[in-house]
Amino acid sequence: MPAAPDFTRPSIFFDDLEIGREFDLGSYTLTEAEIVAFSEVWAPHPSHVDPAWAEQSFFGGIVAPVSLSYAACARLVTIRLLPDLAFTAGRDVHLQPKAPVRPDQEIAVTATVVELEPSRRPDQGNVVLRCENTAGDGTVVLVVRIQLMVARRTPTQAV
């Protein structure tokens, strides 16, 4: 297992962010075995665990549950962005599935700052990220909006 990221030395604070800033978070690929193993425990619908049933379904084969796709996206946010971000707390998550995620399909994740709002706390700010999960053919398969509290480099007066 890879070493845990170092969350003790953030370099990006609320004051450093601007709307439109984009972060390339890398990609994930879920195998059929990973989809089935996760789904047997957390989302045991036949479209996720039964290849024969899934083949005859609307999807035409095994697909990942949205919860697994989100977990893979959240992992990339956690290991590729949060160590650099002066992240203090999560506030809200909204998932918008767009297309099925299929086994062995590489999904790239980019996070874009879409909202910045000062907090009532002078040492914090609210940041909303739009994380697009995109398949190799350009199809957006999942959009995740994440609201975070991020520390300010220099505290301001309360709003």
Foldseek 3Di string as FASTA:
>chain_A
DDDAFAQPDAAAFLVNDDFFDKDWLFKDAAALVNQQVVCVPPPVDCLRHPQVVVCPDPNNGRFHDVVVVVVVVVVSCRRPPNSHFQFDDWDDKDKDFDATHDHGWIWIKMWGWHDWAQAQWQFKIKTWIWIFTATPVGDGGMIMITITITTHPDGDHGD
